[in-house]
Amino acid sequence: MFGKISFIILLIAFIALAIMFDWFGSRDLAEKGMDKASVAVEHLEETGDKVSKVIETINEKEK
């Protein structure tokens, strides 16, 4: 158990160092990943807004 946790911590530390010092072009990869995550969040926001509008419409029709 402790070995798995320490491995994960070491892996995260290595990834952080790789981004800090731009080893293996990791900054570009991190930026691309963040861009994709941003797009995913925007898509989820839009979907949530649409669902909220549908729920509001249903609630208004029931009244």
N, C-alpha and C. Protein backbone atom coordinates (compact mmCIF):
# COMPACT_ATOMS: atom_id res chain seq x y z
N MET A 1 0.83 -1.19 0.00
CA MET A 1 0.00 0.00 0.00
C MET A 1 0.87 1.25 0.00
N PHE A 2 1.83 1.31 0.93
CA PHE A 2 2.70 2.48 1.00
C PHE A 2 3.55 2.62 -0.25
N GLY A 3 3.92 1.49 -0.84
CA GLY A 3 4.72 1.52 -2.06
C GLY A 3 3.97 2.13 -3.22
N LYS A 4 2.68 1.84 -3.33
CA LYS A 4 1.86 2.41 -4.40
C LYS A 4 1.70 3.91 -4.23
N ILE A 5 1.47 4.33 -2.99
CA ILE A 5 1.29 5.77 -2.72
C ILE A 5 2.59 6.52 -3.01
N SER A 6 3.70 5.98 -2.58
CA SER A 6 4.98 6.65 -2.82
C SER A 6 5.30 6.68 -4.32
N PHE A 7 4.94 5.64 -5.04
CA PHE A 7 5.15 5.63 -6.48
C PHE A 7 4.34 6.73 -7.15
N ILE A 8 3.09 6.91 -6.74
CA ILE A 8 2.23 7.94 -7.32
C ILE A 8 2.80 9.33 -7.01
N ILE A 9 3.27 9.52 -5.78
CA ILE A 9 3.86 10.82 -5.40
C ILE A 9 5.11 11.10 -6.22
N LEU A 10 5.96 10.10 -6.39
CA LEU A 10 7.17 10.27 -7.20
C LEU A 10 6.83 10.55 -8.66
N LEU A 11 5.81 9.90 -9.17
CA LEU A 11 5.39 10.12 -10.55
C LEU A 11 4.89 11.55 -10.74
N ILE A 12 4.08 12.03 -9.81
CA ILE A 12 3.58 13.40 -9.89
C ILE A 12 4.73 14.40 -9.79
N ALA A 13 5.69 14.14 -8.92
CA ALA A 13 6.85 15.02 -8.78
C ALA A 13 7.66 15.04 -10.08
N PHE A 14 7.85 13.88 -10.70
CA PHE A 14 8.59 13.83 -11.96
C PHE A 14 7.86 14.60 -13.06
N ILE A 15 6.54 14.47 -13.12
CA ILE A 15 5.77 15.19 -14.13
C ILE A 15 5.88 16.69 -13.89
N ALA A 16 5.81 17.11 -12.62
CA ALA A 16 5.94 18.54 -12.31
C ALA A 16 7.32 19.06 -12.71
N LEU A 17 8.36 18.31 -12.41
CA LEU A 17 9.72 18.72 -12.80
C LEU A 17 9.87 18.76 -14.32
N ALA A 18 9.28 17.80 -15.00
CA ALA A 18 9.36 17.76 -16.46
C ALA A 18 8.71 19.00 -17.07
N ILE A 19 7.59 19.41 -16.51
CA ILE A 19 6.92 20.61 -17.02
C ILE A 19 7.73 21.86 -16.66
N MET A 20 8.25 21.92 -15.44
CA MET A 20 9.03 23.09 -15.01
C MET A 20 10.25 23.31 -15.88
N PHE A 21 10.95 22.25 -16.22
CA PHE A 21 12.19 22.38 -16.96
C PHE A 21 12.05 22.01 -18.44
N ASP A 22 10.82 21.78 -18.87
CA ASP A 22 10.49 21.47 -20.26
C ASP A 22 11.28 20.28 -20.79
N TRP A 23 11.31 19.22 -20.00
CA TRP A 23 11.94 17.99 -20.45
C TRP A 23 11.01 17.29 -21.42
N PHE A 24 11.55 16.77 -22.48
CA PHE A 24 10.82 15.96 -23.46
C PHE A 24 9.65 16.71 -24.11
N GLY A 25 9.71 18.04 -24.15
CA GLY A 25 8.63 18.82 -24.74
C GLY A 25 7.35 18.74 -23.94
N SER A 26 7.49 18.59 -22.64
CA SER A 26 6.31 18.37 -21.80
C SER A 26 5.44 19.61 -21.65
N ARG A 27 6.00 20.80 -21.82
CA ARG A 27 5.17 22.01 -21.71
C ARG A 27 4.11 22.04 -22.80
N ASP A 28 4.52 21.71 -24.01
CA ASP A 28 3.55 21.69 -25.12
C ASP A 28 2.45 20.67 -24.87
N LEU A 29 2.84 19.51 -24.38
CA LEU A 29 1.84 18.47 -24.08
C LEU A 29 0.89 18.93 -22.98
N ALA A 30 1.43 19.59 -21.97
CA ALA A 30 0.59 20.07 -20.87
C ALA A 30 -0.39 21.14 -21.36
N GLU A 31 0.10 22.05 -22.21
CA GLU A 31 -0.77 23.10 -22.75
C GLU A 31 -1.87 22.51 -23.62
N LYS A 32 -1.52 21.52 -24.45
CA LYS A 32 -2.54 20.87 -25.27
C LYS A 32 -3.57 20.17 -24.41
N GLY A 33 -3.12 19.51 -23.35
CA GLY A 33 -4.03 18.84 -22.43
C GLY A 33 -4.96 19.82 -21.74
N MET A 34 -4.42 20.96 -21.34
CA MET A 34 -5.24 21.97 -20.68
C MET A 34 -6.26 22.56 -21.66
N ASP A 35 -5.86 22.73 -22.91
CA ASP A 35 -6.80 23.23 -23.92
C ASP A 35 -7.96 22.26 -24.10
N LYS A 36 -7.64 20.98 -24.18
CA LYS A 36 -8.69 19.97 -24.35
C LYS A 36 -9.59 19.91 -23.12
N ALA A 37 -9.00 20.06 -21.94
CA ALA A 37 -9.81 20.07 -20.72
C ALA A 37 -10.73 21.28 -20.70
N SER A 38 -10.24 22.42 -21.17
CA SER A 38 -11.05 23.63 -21.23
C SER A 38 -12.24 23.45 -22.17
N VAL A 39 -12.00 22.82 -23.31
CA VAL A 39 -13.07 22.56 -24.27
C VAL A 39 -14.10 21.62 -23.65
N ALA A 40 -13.65 20.63 -22.93
CA ALA A 40 -14.57 19.69 -22.29
C ALA A 40 -15.43 20.40 -21.24
N VAL A 41 -14.82 21.29 -20.47
CA VAL A 41 -15.57 22.03 -19.45
C VAL A 41 -16.62 22.92 -20.11
N GLU A 42 -16.25 23.59 -21.20
CA GLU A 42 -17.20 24.44 -21.91
C GLU A 42 -18.38 23.62 -22.44
N HIS A 43 -18.09 22.44 -22.96
CA HIS A 43 -19.14 21.57 -23.48
C HIS A 43 -20.08 21.14 -22.35
N LEU A 44 -19.51 20.80 -21.20
CA LEU A 44 -20.34 20.41 -20.06
C LEU A 44 -21.19 21.58 -19.57
N GLU A 45 -20.64 22.79 -19.59
CA GLU A 45 -21.41 23.97 -19.19
C GLU A 45 -22.61 24.17 -20.12
N GLU A 46 -22.36 24.06 -21.42
CA GLU A 46 -23.45 24.24 -22.40
C GLU A 46 -24.53 23.18 -22.20
N THR A 47 -24.11 21.95 -21.99
CA THR A 47 -25.06 20.86 -21.78
C THR A 47 -25.87 21.10 -20.51
N GLY A 48 -25.21 21.53 -19.45
CA GLY A 48 -25.90 21.81 -18.21
C GLY A 48 -26.91 22.93 -18.36
N ASP A 49 -26.55 23.98 -19.12
CA ASP A 49 -27.48 25.08 -19.35
C ASP A 49 -28.71 24.61 -20.12
N LYS A 50 -28.49 23.75 -21.12
CA LYS A 50 -29.61 23.23 -21.90
C LYS A 50 -30.54 22.39 -21.03
N VAL A 51 -29.96 21.54 -20.19
CA VAL A 51 -30.77 20.69 -19.32
C VAL A 51 -31.55 21.55 -18.32
N SER A 52 -30.92 22.59 -17.80
CA SER A 52 -31.61 23.48 -16.86
C SER A 52 -32.81 24.15 -17.52
N LYS A 53 -32.62 24.58 -18.77
CA LYS A 53 -33.73 25.22 -19.49
C LYS A 53 -34.88 24.24 -19.71
N VAL A 54 -34.55 23.00 -20.04
CA VAL A 54 -35.59 21.98 -20.25
C VAL A 54 -36.34 21.73 -18.95
N ILE A 55 -35.61 21.64 -17.84
CA ILE A 55 -36.26 21.41 -16.55
C ILE A 55 -37.16 22.58 -16.18
N GLU A 56 -36.69 23.80 -16.42
CA GLU A 56 -37.52 24.98 -16.15
C GLU A 56 -38.79 24.97 -16.99
N THR A 57 -38.66 24.59 -18.26
CA THR A 57 -39.81 24.54 -19.15
C THR A 57 -40.82 23.50 -18.66
N ILE A 58 -40.34 22.36 -18.24
CA ILE A 58 -41.22 21.30 -17.74
C ILE A 58 -41.93 21.76 -16.47
N ASN A 59 -41.19 22.41 -15.57
CA ASN A 59 -41.79 22.90 -14.32
C ASN A 59 -42.84 23.96 -14.59
N GLU A 60 -42.62 24.82 -15.58
CA GLU A 60 -43.60 25.86 -15.91
C GLU A 60 -44.87 25.24 -16.51
N LYS A 61 -44.71 24.19 -17.30
CA LYS A 61 -45.88 23.55 -17.91
C LYS A 61 -46.73 22.82 -16.86
N GLU A 62 -46.09 22.33 -15.79
CA GLU A 62 -46.82 21.62 -14.76
C GLU A 62 -47.65 22.57 -13.90
N LYS A 63 -47.25 23.83 -13.83
CA LYS A 63 -47.98 24.81 -13.02
C LYS A 63 -49.18 25.25 -13.75
